[in-house]
Amino acid sequence: MYKASQMARLIEVLRQGEQLAAHTAALQSRMAPVLWMRHALEVQATQERSHAALADVAAHLSGSAQARASTPDVVAGLRQRLAHDLAANDLASSLLGLQGVIEHIGEALLEQLGCHAHPAGGVLHALRKKVLAQEHGHVQLGARCLQTLGSGAATVAALDSYRSLGRDAALQVTGLLDDARLDANAFWVVVETRLERWHLHTQATQDRHSP
């Protein structure tokens, strides 16, 4: 059985990410230039809050008090960059950060959690089933929003910055596990592959709709 302390740390990282996602999506909704986008981002914020609540339940079952005390703020760098973009009213770059990088990291982390048995298995199963289904929709929403904002709205520099911060987060996750069962390079390759496909699809769709 996977060590409870290690599982608790992974769940705590997931909780951090879901709380950040809820806060960010709510702010994005206020910046949205069209009604459908505003409504969709409000729905995402509500869903992210429910994900965070489920993660909180799973964390308590996994020894949350000790895990929270020993788990660093893995998403600190991403949170700071998102705050910068949101303060600058740069909705497009924030979409790359949340709906692009963070959502893909969350999906990869949930898959990792699903590989191991644990006393909180019932809650984790519900969390994974609900979140994975909705996270796919959030990723697609991000692509649609970027398409609506127009080609070139989100810069290559912003994507590179979020990629770098995402890899830093993956390395920190690996550092939480003393048996190195989660390899940072392999973990990040999964995220990077998904992100690249997502961004290429987004750019291709923008190009097709450009005058």
N, C-alpha and C. Protein backbone atom coordinates (compact mmCIF):
# COMPACT_ATOMS: atom_id res chain seq x y z
N MET A 1 0.85 -1.20 0.00
CA MET A 1 0.00 0.00 0.00
C MET A 1 0.88 1.24 0.00
N TYR A 2 0.49 2.22 -0.73
CA TYR A 2 1.24 3.47 -0.80
C TYR A 2 1.23 4.13 0.57
N LYS A 3 2.37 4.66 1.00
CA LYS A 3 2.46 5.26 2.32
C LYS A 3 1.44 6.38 2.49
N ALA A 4 0.73 6.33 3.61
CA ALA A 4 -0.33 7.31 3.85
C ALA A 4 0.21 8.74 3.87
N SER A 5 1.40 8.93 4.43
CA SER A 5 1.95 10.28 4.52
C SER A 5 2.25 10.85 3.15
N GLN A 6 2.74 10.00 2.25
CA GLN A 6 3.05 10.45 0.90
C GLN A 6 1.77 10.75 0.12
N MET A 7 0.77 9.90 0.26
CA MET A 7 -0.50 10.13 -0.40
C MET A 7 -1.13 11.43 0.11
N ALA A 8 -1.01 11.66 1.41
CA ALA A 8 -1.58 12.87 2.00
C ALA A 8 -0.93 14.11 1.41
N ARG A 9 0.37 14.04 1.15
CA ARG A 9 1.06 15.19 0.57
C ARG A 9 0.59 15.43 -0.86
N LEU A 10 0.41 14.37 -1.62
CA LEU A 10 -0.09 14.53 -2.99
C LEU A 10 -1.49 15.14 -2.99
N ILE A 11 -2.34 14.69 -2.07
CA ILE A 11 -3.69 15.24 -1.98
C ILE A 11 -3.63 16.71 -1.57
N GLU A 12 -2.71 17.05 -0.69
CA GLU A 12 -2.57 18.45 -0.28
C GLU A 12 -2.15 19.32 -1.46
N VAL A 13 -1.26 18.81 -2.30
CA VAL A 13 -0.87 19.55 -3.50
C VAL A 13 -2.09 19.75 -4.40
N LEU A 14 -2.89 18.70 -4.56
CA LEU A 14 -4.09 18.80 -5.37
C LEU A 14 -5.04 19.84 -4.79
N ARG A 15 -5.19 19.85 -3.47
CA ARG A 15 -6.06 20.83 -2.81
C ARG A 15 -5.57 22.25 -3.08
N GLN A 16 -4.27 22.45 -2.98
CA GLN A 16 -3.69 23.77 -3.27
C GLN A 16 -4.07 24.22 -4.69
N GLY A 17 -3.91 23.31 -5.62
CA GLY A 17 -4.19 23.64 -7.02
C GLY A 17 -5.66 23.94 -7.27
N GLU A 18 -6.54 23.19 -6.63
CA GLU A 18 -7.97 23.41 -6.84
C GLU A 18 -8.42 24.73 -6.24
N GLN A 19 -7.86 25.09 -5.09
CA GLN A 19 -8.20 26.38 -4.49
C GLN A 19 -7.72 27.53 -5.37
N LEU A 20 -6.52 27.39 -5.92
CA LEU A 20 -6.00 28.41 -6.82
C LEU A 20 -6.86 28.51 -8.08
N ALA A 21 -7.27 27.35 -8.60
CA ALA A 21 -8.10 27.34 -9.80
C ALA A 21 -9.44 28.02 -9.56
N ALA A 22 -10.05 27.76 -8.41
CA ALA A 22 -11.34 28.38 -8.10
C ALA A 22 -11.22 29.89 -8.03
N HIS A 23 -10.19 30.36 -7.34
CA HIS A 23 -9.98 31.80 -7.20
C HIS A 23 -9.71 32.45 -8.56
N THR A 24 -8.86 31.80 -9.36
CA THR A 24 -8.48 32.37 -10.65
C THR A 24 -9.65 32.41 -11.62
N ALA A 25 -10.41 31.31 -11.72
CA ALA A 25 -11.53 31.27 -12.64
C ALA A 25 -12.57 32.33 -12.29
N ALA A 26 -12.77 32.56 -10.99
CA ALA A 26 -13.73 33.59 -10.58
C ALA A 26 -13.27 34.97 -11.05
N LEU A 27 -11.98 35.26 -10.92
CA LEU A 27 -11.45 36.55 -11.39
C LEU A 27 -11.49 36.64 -12.91
N GLN A 28 -11.20 35.54 -13.58
CA GLN A 28 -11.26 35.53 -15.05
C GLN A 28 -12.67 35.85 -15.53
N SER A 29 -13.67 35.34 -14.82
CA SER A 29 -15.05 35.56 -15.26
C SER A 29 -15.40 37.05 -15.25
N ARG A 30 -14.82 37.81 -14.34
CA ARG A 30 -15.10 39.24 -14.25
C ARG A 30 -14.41 40.01 -15.39
N MET A 31 -13.40 39.40 -15.98
CA MET A 31 -12.66 40.05 -17.06
C MET A 31 -13.19 39.64 -18.43
N ALA A 32 -14.03 38.63 -18.49
CA ALA A 32 -14.48 38.08 -19.76
C ALA A 32 -15.23 39.13 -20.58
N PRO A 33 -14.89 39.27 -21.86
CA PRO A 33 -15.49 40.32 -22.69
C PRO A 33 -16.87 39.99 -23.25
N VAL A 34 -17.28 38.71 -23.17
CA VAL A 34 -18.58 38.32 -23.71
C VAL A 34 -19.34 37.49 -22.68
N LEU A 35 -20.66 37.48 -22.78
CA LEU A 35 -21.50 36.87 -21.76
C LEU A 35 -21.28 35.38 -21.61
N TRP A 36 -21.19 34.65 -22.74
CA TRP A 36 -21.05 33.19 -22.63
C TRP A 36 -19.76 32.82 -21.91
N MET A 37 -18.69 33.58 -22.16
CA MET A 37 -17.40 33.31 -21.53
C MET A 37 -17.47 33.59 -20.03
N ARG A 38 -18.13 34.69 -19.68
CA ARG A 38 -18.28 35.04 -18.27
C ARG A 38 -19.03 33.93 -17.52
N HIS A 39 -20.12 33.47 -18.13
CA HIS A 39 -20.92 32.42 -17.49
C HIS A 39 -20.13 31.12 -17.37
N ALA A 40 -19.43 30.73 -18.42
CA ALA A 40 -18.68 29.47 -18.41
C ALA A 40 -17.58 29.50 -17.36
N LEU A 41 -16.91 30.62 -17.20
CA LEU A 41 -15.84 30.73 -16.21
C LEU A 41 -16.41 30.76 -14.79
N GLU A 42 -17.61 31.32 -14.62
CA GLU A 42 -18.28 31.27 -13.32
C GLU A 42 -18.60 29.82 -12.96
N VAL A 43 -19.07 29.06 -13.95
CA VAL A 43 -19.36 27.64 -13.72
C VAL A 43 -18.08 26.90 -13.34
N GLN A 44 -16.99 27.20 -14.05
CA GLN A 44 -15.73 26.54 -13.71
C GLN A 44 -15.31 26.86 -12.28
N ALA A 45 -15.44 28.13 -11.88
CA ALA A 45 -15.07 28.51 -10.52
C ALA A 45 -15.88 27.72 -9.49
N THR A 46 -17.17 27.54 -9.75
CA THR A 46 -18.02 26.76 -8.85
C THR A 46 -17.56 25.31 -8.79
N GLN A 47 -17.25 24.73 -9.94
CA GLN A 47 -16.78 23.35 -9.98
C GLN A 47 -15.45 23.20 -9.26
N GLU A 48 -14.55 24.16 -9.44
CA GLU A 48 -13.25 24.09 -8.78
C GLU A 48 -13.40 24.15 -7.26
N ARG A 49 -14.35 24.94 -6.80
CA ARG A 49 -14.59 25.00 -5.35
C ARG A 49 -15.07 23.64 -4.82
N SER A 50 -15.90 22.95 -5.62
CA SER A 50 -16.36 21.62 -5.19
C SER A 50 -15.21 20.62 -5.22
N HIS A 51 -14.30 20.77 -6.18
CA HIS A 51 -13.12 19.89 -6.23
C HIS A 51 -12.26 20.10 -4.98
N ALA A 52 -12.07 21.37 -4.62
CA ALA A 52 -11.26 21.68 -3.44
C ALA A 52 -11.88 21.09 -2.19
N ALA A 53 -13.22 21.13 -2.11
CA ALA A 53 -13.92 20.58 -0.95
C ALA A 53 -13.73 19.06 -0.88
N LEU A 54 -13.82 18.38 -2.03
CA LEU A 54 -13.58 16.94 -2.05
C LEU A 54 -12.15 16.61 -1.67
N ALA A 55 -11.22 17.39 -2.18
CA ALA A 55 -9.81 17.18 -1.84
C ALA A 55 -9.59 17.40 -0.35
N ASP A 56 -10.32 18.33 0.23
CA ASP A 56 -10.20 18.60 1.66
C ASP A 56 -10.68 17.40 2.47
N VAL A 57 -11.76 16.77 2.04
CA VAL A 57 -12.26 15.56 2.72
C VAL A 57 -11.22 14.45 2.62
N ALA A 58 -10.70 14.24 1.41
CA ALA A 58 -9.69 13.20 1.21
C ALA A 58 -8.44 13.50 2.04
N ALA A 59 -8.08 14.78 2.13
CA ALA A 59 -6.90 15.17 2.91
C ALA A 59 -7.08 14.84 4.38
N HIS A 60 -8.28 15.11 4.92
CA HIS A 60 -8.54 14.80 6.33
C HIS A 60 -8.43 13.30 6.57
N LEU A 61 -8.93 12.48 5.64
CA LEU A 61 -8.84 11.04 5.77
C LEU A 61 -7.40 10.55 5.64
N SER A 62 -6.54 11.39 5.08
CA SER A 62 -5.15 11.00 4.85
C SER A 62 -4.20 11.63 5.86
N GLY A 63 -4.72 12.25 6.90
CA GLY A 63 -3.87 12.89 7.89
C GLY A 63 -3.48 14.29 7.47
N SER A 64 -4.48 15.12 7.24
CA SER A 64 -4.23 16.43 6.65
C SER A 64 -3.41 17.35 7.52
N ALA A 65 -3.59 17.32 8.82
CA ALA A 65 -2.90 18.27 9.69
C ALA A 65 -1.39 18.14 9.53
N GLN A 66 -0.90 16.92 9.59
CA GLN A 66 0.53 16.70 9.45
C GLN A 66 0.99 16.99 8.03
N ALA A 67 0.19 16.59 7.04
CA ALA A 67 0.56 16.80 5.65
C ALA A 67 0.65 18.29 5.32
N ARG A 68 -0.29 19.07 5.79
CA ARG A 68 -0.29 20.50 5.49
C ARG A 68 0.91 21.20 6.13
N ALA A 69 1.30 20.70 7.30
CA ALA A 69 2.45 21.30 7.97
C ALA A 69 3.76 20.97 7.25
N SER A 70 3.80 19.83 6.56
CA SER A 70 5.04 19.38 5.94
C SER A 70 5.06 19.55 4.42
N THR A 71 3.97 20.07 3.83
CA THR A 71 3.89 20.22 2.38
C THR A 71 4.11 21.68 2.00
N PRO A 72 5.13 21.95 1.19
CA PRO A 72 5.35 23.34 0.76
C PRO A 72 4.24 23.82 -0.15
N ASP A 73 4.19 25.12 -0.36
CA ASP A 73 3.21 25.71 -1.26
C ASP A 73 3.71 25.50 -2.69
N VAL A 74 3.38 24.35 -3.25
CA VAL A 74 3.90 23.94 -4.54
C VAL A 74 3.48 24.90 -5.66
N VAL A 75 2.31 25.49 -5.54
CA VAL A 75 1.80 26.35 -6.61
C VAL A 75 2.11 27.83 -6.38
N ALA A 76 3.04 28.13 -5.48
CA ALA A 76 3.34 29.53 -5.15
C ALA A 76 3.78 30.32 -6.37
N GLY A 77 4.68 29.75 -7.17
CA GLY A 77 5.16 30.45 -8.35
C GLY A 77 4.07 30.68 -9.37
N LEU A 78 3.25 29.66 -9.58
CA LEU A 78 2.12 29.80 -10.50
C LEU A 78 1.11 30.82 -9.98
N ARG A 79 0.88 30.81 -8.67
CA ARG A 79 -0.06 31.77 -8.08
C ARG A 79 0.43 33.20 -8.29
N GLN A 80 1.72 33.42 -8.11
CA GLN A 80 2.28 34.76 -8.27
C GLN A 80 2.18 35.23 -9.71
N ARG A 81 2.47 34.33 -10.67
CA ARG A 81 2.39 34.73 -12.07
C ARG A 81 0.95 35.00 -12.48
N LEU A 82 0.03 34.16 -12.02
CA LEU A 82 -1.39 34.39 -12.32
C LEU A 82 -1.86 35.72 -11.74
N ALA A 83 -1.44 36.03 -10.52
CA ALA A 83 -1.83 37.30 -9.89
C ALA A 83 -1.31 38.47 -10.72
N HIS A 84 -0.10 38.34 -11.24
CA HIS A 84 0.47 39.40 -12.08
C HIS A 84 -0.35 39.60 -13.34
N ASP A 85 -0.69 38.51 -14.03
CA ASP A 85 -1.44 38.61 -15.28
C ASP A 85 -2.85 39.14 -15.05
N LEU A 86 -3.47 38.68 -13.97
CA LEU A 86 -4.83 39.13 -13.67
C LEU A 86 -4.85 40.60 -13.29
N ALA A 87 -3.84 41.03 -12.53
CA ALA A 87 -3.76 42.44 -12.16
C ALA A 87 -3.54 43.32 -13.38
N ALA A 88 -2.88 42.76 -14.40
CA ALA A 88 -2.62 43.50 -15.64
C ALA A 88 -3.77 43.36 -16.64
N ASN A 89 -4.87 42.73 -16.21
CA ASN A 89 -6.01 42.47 -17.09
C ASN A 89 -5.62 41.67 -18.33
N ASP A 90 -4.63 40.79 -18.16
CA ASP A 90 -4.16 39.94 -19.26
C ASP A 90 -4.88 38.59 -19.16
N LEU A 91 -6.13 38.59 -19.61
CA LEU A 91 -6.94 37.38 -19.52
C LEU A 91 -6.34 36.23 -20.31
N ALA A 92 -5.83 36.51 -21.50
CA ALA A 92 -5.30 35.46 -22.37
C ALA A 92 -4.15 34.72 -21.70
N SER A 93 -3.20 35.45 -21.12
CA SER A 93 -2.07 34.79 -20.47
C SER A 93 -2.53 33.98 -19.26
N SER A 94 -3.51 34.50 -18.52
CA SER A 94 -4.01 33.75 -17.37
C SER A 94 -4.70 32.46 -17.81
N LEU A 95 -5.30 32.47 -19.00
CA LEU A 95 -5.90 31.25 -19.55
C LEU A 95 -4.83 30.20 -19.86
N LEU A 96 -3.70 30.65 -20.37
CA LEU A 96 -2.59 29.72 -20.59
C LEU A 96 -2.15 29.10 -19.27
N GLY A 97 -2.10 29.93 -18.22
CA GLY A 97 -1.64 29.45 -16.93
C GLY A 97 -2.59 28.48 -16.27
N LEU A 98 -3.87 28.85 -16.18
CA LEU A 98 -4.84 28.00 -15.49
C LEU A 98 -5.37 26.88 -16.37
N GLN A 99 -6.09 27.25 -17.43
CA GLN A 99 -6.73 26.24 -18.26
C GLN A 99 -5.72 25.43 -19.08
N GLY A 100 -4.53 25.96 -19.25
CA GLY A 100 -3.48 25.24 -19.97
C GLY A 100 -2.61 24.43 -19.03
N VAL A 101 -1.72 25.09 -18.32
CA VAL A 101 -0.71 24.39 -17.52
C VAL A 101 -1.30 23.74 -16.26
N ILE A 102 -1.99 24.51 -15.42
CA ILE A 102 -2.44 23.98 -14.13
C ILE A 102 -3.45 22.86 -14.29
N GLU A 103 -4.39 22.99 -15.23
CA GLU A 103 -5.38 21.93 -15.43
C GLU A 103 -4.71 20.64 -15.90
N HIS A 104 -3.69 20.75 -16.75
CA HIS A 104 -3.01 19.55 -17.21
C HIS A 104 -2.19 18.91 -16.09
N ILE A 105 -1.59 19.72 -15.25
CA ILE A 105 -0.88 19.17 -14.08
C ILE A 105 -1.86 18.44 -13.18
N GLY A 106 -3.04 19.03 -12.97
CA GLY A 106 -4.05 18.39 -12.13
C GLY A 106 -4.49 17.04 -12.67
N GLU A 107 -4.69 16.96 -13.97
CA GLU A 107 -5.09 15.68 -14.57
C GLU A 107 -4.01 14.63 -14.37
N ALA A 108 -2.75 15.01 -14.59
CA ALA A 108 -1.65 14.07 -14.43
C ALA A 108 -1.52 13.63 -12.97
N LEU A 109 -1.72 14.54 -12.04
CA LEU A 109 -1.63 14.20 -10.62
C LEU A 109 -2.75 13.27 -10.21
N LEU A 110 -3.95 13.49 -10.72
CA LEU A 110 -5.07 12.60 -10.41
C LEU A 110 -4.83 11.20 -10.93
N GLU A 111 -4.22 11.09 -12.10
CA GLU A 111 -3.88 9.78 -12.63
C GLU A 111 -2.88 9.09 -11.71
N GLN A 112 -1.92 9.84 -11.19
CA GLN A 112 -0.94 9.28 -10.27
C GLN A 112 -1.61 8.80 -8.99
N LEU A 113 -2.54 9.57 -8.47
CA LEU A 113 -3.26 9.18 -7.26
C LEU A 113 -4.05 7.90 -7.49
N GLY A 114 -4.53 7.69 -8.71
CA GLY A 114 -5.32 6.51 -9.01
C GLY A 114 -4.52 5.24 -9.12
N CYS A 115 -3.20 5.34 -9.08
CA CYS A 115 -2.34 4.16 -9.22
C CYS A 115 -2.13 3.42 -7.90
N HIS A 116 -2.60 3.97 -6.79
CA HIS A 116 -2.25 3.42 -5.49
C HIS A 116 -3.48 3.22 -4.61
N ALA A 117 -3.46 2.11 -3.86
CA ALA A 117 -4.53 1.84 -2.90
C ALA A 117 -4.33 2.72 -1.67
N HIS A 118 -5.44 3.06 -1.01
CA HIS A 118 -5.35 3.96 0.14
C HIS A 118 -6.65 3.89 0.93
N PRO A 119 -6.60 4.09 2.26
CA PRO A 119 -7.83 4.08 3.07
C PRO A 119 -8.87 5.09 2.61
N ALA A 120 -8.42 6.18 2.00
CA ALA A 120 -9.36 7.18 1.50
C ALA A 120 -9.78 6.87 0.07
N GLY A 121 -9.64 5.61 -0.33
CA GLY A 121 -9.88 5.22 -1.72
C GLY A 121 -11.25 5.59 -2.25
N GLY A 122 -12.29 5.45 -1.42
CA GLY A 122 -13.64 5.77 -1.88
C GLY A 122 -13.79 7.25 -2.23
N VAL A 123 -13.27 8.10 -1.37
CA VAL A 123 -13.32 9.54 -1.63
C VAL A 123 -12.44 9.90 -2.82
N LEU A 124 -11.26 9.27 -2.87
CA LEU A 124 -10.35 9.54 -3.99
C LEU A 124 -10.97 9.13 -5.31
N HIS A 125 -11.67 8.01 -5.31
CA HIS A 125 -12.31 7.56 -6.55
C HIS A 125 -13.37 8.56 -7.00
N ALA A 126 -14.18 9.03 -6.05
CA ALA A 126 -15.20 10.03 -6.38
C ALA A 126 -14.55 11.31 -6.86
N LEU A 127 -13.46 11.69 -6.21
CA LEU A 127 -12.74 12.91 -6.59
C LEU A 127 -12.19 12.78 -8.00
N ARG A 128 -11.55 11.67 -8.28
CA ARG A 128 -10.94 11.48 -9.60
C ARG A 128 -12.01 11.45 -10.69
N LYS A 129 -13.08 10.71 -10.45
CA LYS A 129 -14.13 10.57 -11.46
C LYS A 129 -14.77 11.91 -11.78
N LYS A 130 -15.09 12.67 -10.74
CA LYS A 130 -15.75 13.96 -10.93
C LYS A 130 -14.79 14.98 -11.54
N VAL A 131 -13.59 15.06 -10.98
CA VAL A 131 -12.66 16.09 -11.41
C VAL A 131 -12.15 15.85 -12.82
N LEU A 132 -11.78 14.61 -13.13
CA LEU A 132 -11.24 14.33 -14.45
C LEU A 132 -12.26 14.65 -15.55
N ALA A 133 -13.52 14.35 -15.29
CA ALA A 133 -14.56 14.64 -16.28
C ALA A 133 -14.70 16.14 -16.50
N GLN A 134 -14.62 16.89 -15.41
CA GLN A 134 -14.81 18.34 -15.52
C GLN A 134 -13.54 19.05 -15.96
N GLU A 135 -12.37 18.53 -15.59
CA GLU A 135 -11.13 19.18 -15.98
C GLU A 135 -10.97 19.17 -17.50
N HIS A 136 -11.41 18.10 -18.14
CA HIS A 136 -11.34 18.05 -19.60
C HIS A 136 -12.15 19.19 -20.19
N GLY A 137 -13.30 19.45 -19.61
CA GLY A 137 -14.13 20.55 -20.07
C GLY A 137 -13.47 21.90 -19.84
N HIS A 138 -12.74 22.04 -18.73
CA HIS A 138 -12.05 23.30 -18.45
C HIS A 138 -10.93 23.56 -19.46
N VAL A 139 -10.23 22.50 -19.82
CA VAL A 139 -9.17 22.62 -20.83
C VAL A 139 -9.76 23.08 -22.16
N GLN A 140 -10.87 22.47 -22.55
CA GLN A 140 -11.52 22.86 -23.79
C GLN A 140 -12.07 24.28 -23.72
N LEU A 141 -12.56 24.67 -22.55
CA LEU A 141 -13.05 26.04 -22.37
C LEU A 141 -11.91 27.03 -22.57
N GLY A 142 -10.74 26.72 -22.01
CA GLY A 142 -9.59 27.60 -22.19
C GLY A 142 -9.25 27.81 -23.65
N ALA A 143 -9.28 26.72 -24.41
CA ALA A 143 -8.99 26.82 -25.85
C ALA A 143 -10.03 27.69 -26.55
N ARG A 144 -11.30 27.49 -26.20
CA ARG A 144 -12.37 28.26 -26.84
C ARG A 144 -12.25 29.75 -26.49
N CYS A 145 -11.91 30.04 -25.24
CA CYS A 145 -11.76 31.44 -24.84
C CYS A 145 -10.61 32.10 -25.59
N LEU A 146 -9.50 31.40 -25.73
CA LEU A 146 -8.36 31.96 -26.45
C LEU A 146 -8.71 32.18 -27.92
N GLN A 147 -9.47 31.25 -28.48
CA GLN A 147 -9.89 31.42 -29.88
C GLN A 147 -10.75 32.68 -30.02
N THR A 148 -11.64 32.91 -29.06
CA THR A 148 -12.51 34.08 -29.12
C THR A 148 -11.72 35.38 -28.94
N LEU A 149 -10.71 35.34 -28.09
CA LEU A 149 -9.90 36.53 -27.86
C LEU A 149 -9.05 36.89 -29.07
N GLY A 150 -8.77 35.90 -29.92
CA GLY A 150 -8.07 36.20 -31.16
C GLY A 150 -6.64 35.71 -31.19
N SER A 151 -6.14 35.51 -32.40
CA SER A 151 -4.79 35.01 -32.61
C SER A 151 -3.77 35.99 -32.05
N GLY A 152 -2.79 35.45 -31.35
CA GLY A 152 -1.71 36.27 -30.82
C GLY A 152 -2.03 36.94 -29.50
N ALA A 153 -3.24 36.71 -28.96
CA ALA A 153 -3.60 37.36 -27.71
C ALA A 153 -2.72 36.91 -26.56
N ALA A 154 -2.36 35.65 -26.55
CA ALA A 154 -1.48 35.11 -25.51
C ALA A 154 -0.09 34.93 -26.10
N THR A 155 0.91 35.46 -25.43
CA THR A 155 2.25 35.48 -26.00
C THR A 155 3.00 34.17 -25.76
N VAL A 156 3.98 33.93 -26.63
CA VAL A 156 4.87 32.79 -26.46
C VAL A 156 5.64 32.91 -25.15
N ALA A 157 6.04 34.14 -24.80
CA ALA A 157 6.78 34.36 -23.56
C ALA A 157 5.96 33.95 -22.35
N ALA A 158 4.66 34.24 -22.37
CA ALA A 158 3.80 33.85 -21.25
C ALA A 158 3.72 32.34 -21.14
N LEU A 159 3.56 31.67 -22.27
CA LEU A 159 3.48 30.21 -22.25
C LEU A 159 4.79 29.62 -21.74
N ASP A 160 5.91 30.14 -22.20
CA ASP A 160 7.21 29.64 -21.74
C ASP A 160 7.37 29.83 -20.23
N SER A 161 6.91 30.98 -19.73
CA SER A 161 7.00 31.25 -18.30
C SER A 161 6.17 30.26 -17.50
N TYR A 162 4.94 30.02 -17.94
CA TYR A 162 4.09 29.07 -17.23
C TYR A 162 4.62 27.65 -17.33
N ARG A 163 5.20 27.31 -18.47
CA ARG A 163 5.82 25.98 -18.60
C ARG A 163 6.94 25.80 -17.57
N SER A 164 7.77 26.82 -17.45
CA SER A 164 8.88 26.76 -16.50
C SER A 164 8.37 26.63 -15.06
N LEU A 165 7.37 27.41 -14.72
CA LEU A 165 6.78 27.34 -13.38
C LEU A 165 6.11 25.99 -13.14
N GLY A 166 5.47 25.45 -14.18
CA GLY A 166 4.84 24.14 -14.06
C GLY A 166 5.85 23.05 -13.81
N ARG A 167 6.98 23.11 -14.50
CA ARG A 167 8.02 22.11 -14.27
C ARG A 167 8.59 22.24 -12.86
N ASP A 168 8.76 23.47 -12.38
CA ASP A 168 9.22 23.66 -11.01
C ASP A 168 8.26 23.01 -10.02
N ALA A 169 6.96 23.15 -10.28
CA ALA A 169 5.97 22.54 -9.40
C ALA A 169 6.09 21.02 -9.43
N ALA A 170 6.32 20.45 -10.62
CA ALA A 170 6.47 19.00 -10.74
C ALA A 170 7.69 18.52 -9.96
N LEU A 171 8.77 19.27 -10.02
CA LEU A 171 9.98 18.90 -9.27
C LEU A 171 9.72 18.95 -7.77
N GLN A 172 8.95 19.93 -7.32
CA GLN A 172 8.63 20.00 -5.89
C GLN A 172 7.77 18.83 -5.46
N VAL A 173 6.83 18.41 -6.32
CA VAL A 173 6.00 17.25 -5.99
C VAL A 173 6.88 16.03 -5.81
N THR A 174 7.83 15.84 -6.72
CA THR A 174 8.73 14.69 -6.62
C THR A 174 9.52 14.73 -5.33
N GLY A 175 9.93 15.92 -4.91
CA GLY A 175 10.70 16.06 -3.68
C GLY A 175 9.93 15.67 -2.43
N LEU A 176 8.61 15.57 -2.53
CA LEU A 176 7.80 15.19 -1.37
C LEU A 176 7.79 13.68 -1.14
N LEU A 177 8.26 12.92 -2.12
CA LEU A 177 8.14 11.46 -2.06
C LEU A 177 9.51 10.82 -1.83
N ASP A 178 9.68 10.17 -0.69
CA ASP A 178 11.00 9.64 -0.37
C ASP A 178 11.33 8.37 -1.13
N ASP A 179 10.34 7.73 -1.77
CA ASP A 179 10.66 6.52 -2.54
C ASP A 179 10.79 6.82 -4.03
N ALA A 180 10.68 8.11 -4.40
CA ALA A 180 10.87 8.54 -5.80
C ALA A 180 9.95 7.80 -6.76
N ARG A 181 8.78 7.38 -6.27
CA ARG A 181 7.87 6.65 -7.16
C ARG A 181 7.33 7.56 -8.27
N LEU A 182 7.24 8.84 -7.97
CA LEU A 182 6.81 9.79 -8.99
C LEU A 182 8.04 10.48 -9.54
N ASP A 183 8.38 10.19 -10.78
CA ASP A 183 9.55 10.77 -11.42
C ASP A 183 9.17 12.11 -12.06
N ALA A 184 9.90 13.17 -11.72
CA ALA A 184 9.54 14.51 -12.20
C ALA A 184 9.60 14.61 -13.71
N ASN A 185 10.65 14.03 -14.30
CA ASN A 185 10.77 14.13 -15.75
C ASN A 185 9.62 13.43 -16.45
N ALA A 186 9.31 12.21 -16.00
CA ALA A 186 8.21 11.46 -16.62
C ALA A 186 6.88 12.18 -16.37
N PHE A 187 6.71 12.70 -15.17
CA PHE A 187 5.49 13.42 -14.82
C PHE A 187 5.33 14.64 -15.72
N TRP A 188 6.42 15.39 -15.90
CA TRP A 188 6.33 16.61 -16.69
C TRP A 188 6.16 16.30 -18.17
N VAL A 189 6.72 15.21 -18.66
CA VAL A 189 6.53 14.83 -20.07
C VAL A 189 5.05 14.64 -20.36
N VAL A 190 4.34 14.01 -19.43
CA VAL A 190 2.90 13.81 -19.59
C VAL A 190 2.20 15.16 -19.69
N VAL A 191 2.53 16.07 -18.78
CA VAL A 191 1.92 17.40 -18.78
C VAL A 191 2.29 18.15 -20.05
N GLU A 192 3.56 18.15 -20.39
CA GLU A 192 4.05 18.89 -21.54
C GLU A 192 3.41 18.40 -22.83
N THR A 193 3.27 17.08 -22.97
CA THR A 193 2.66 16.52 -24.17
C THR A 193 1.22 17.00 -24.32
N ARG A 194 0.47 16.97 -23.22
CA ARG A 194 -0.91 17.42 -23.26
C ARG A 194 -0.99 18.92 -23.57
N LEU A 195 -0.12 19.67 -22.93
CA LEU A 195 -0.11 21.12 -23.13
C LEU A 195 0.22 21.46 -24.57
N GLU A 196 1.19 20.79 -25.14
CA GLU A 196 1.59 21.08 -26.51
C GLU A 196 0.47 20.78 -27.49
N ARG A 197 -0.20 19.64 -27.31
CA ARG A 197 -1.33 19.30 -28.19
C ARG A 197 -2.44 20.34 -28.06
N TRP A 198 -2.70 20.74 -26.81
CA TRP A 198 -3.75 21.74 -26.55
C TRP A 198 -3.42 23.07 -27.22
N HIS A 199 -2.18 23.52 -27.05
CA HIS A 199 -1.81 24.83 -27.59
C HIS A 199 -1.77 24.80 -29.12
N LEU A 200 -1.25 23.72 -29.70
CA LEU A 200 -1.22 23.62 -31.16
C LEU A 200 -2.63 23.61 -31.74
N HIS A 201 -3.54 22.89 -31.09
CA HIS A 201 -4.94 22.86 -31.55
C HIS A 201 -5.56 24.25 -31.44
N THR A 202 -5.26 24.94 -30.34
CA THR A 202 -5.81 26.28 -30.15
C THR A 202 -5.31 27.23 -31.23
N GLN A 203 -4.00 27.20 -31.48
CA GLN A 203 -3.42 28.07 -32.48
C GLN A 203 -3.93 27.76 -33.88
N ALA A 204 -4.08 26.47 -34.19
CA ALA A 204 -4.56 26.08 -35.51
C ALA A 204 -5.99 26.56 -35.73
N THR A 205 -6.80 26.46 -34.69
CA THR A 205 -8.19 26.92 -34.81
C THR A 205 -8.25 28.43 -34.96
N GLN A 206 -7.40 29.15 -34.24
CA GLN A 206 -7.34 30.59 -34.37
C GLN A 206 -6.95 30.98 -35.80
N ASP A 207 -5.96 30.29 -36.34
CA ASP A 207 -5.49 30.59 -37.70
C ASP A 207 -6.58 30.37 -38.73
N ARG A 208 -7.38 29.32 -38.55
CA ARG A 208 -8.45 29.03 -39.50
C ARG A 208 -9.52 30.10 -39.49
N HIS A 209 -9.70 30.73 -38.33
CA HIS A 209 -10.76 31.74 -38.19
C HIS A 209 -10.24 33.17 -38.36
N SER A 210 -8.93 33.31 -38.61
CA SER A 210 -8.36 34.64 -38.80
C SER A 210 -8.70 35.15 -40.19
N PRO A 211 -8.99 36.45 -40.36
CA PRO A 211 -9.34 36.99 -41.67
C PRO A 211 -8.12 37.01 -42.59
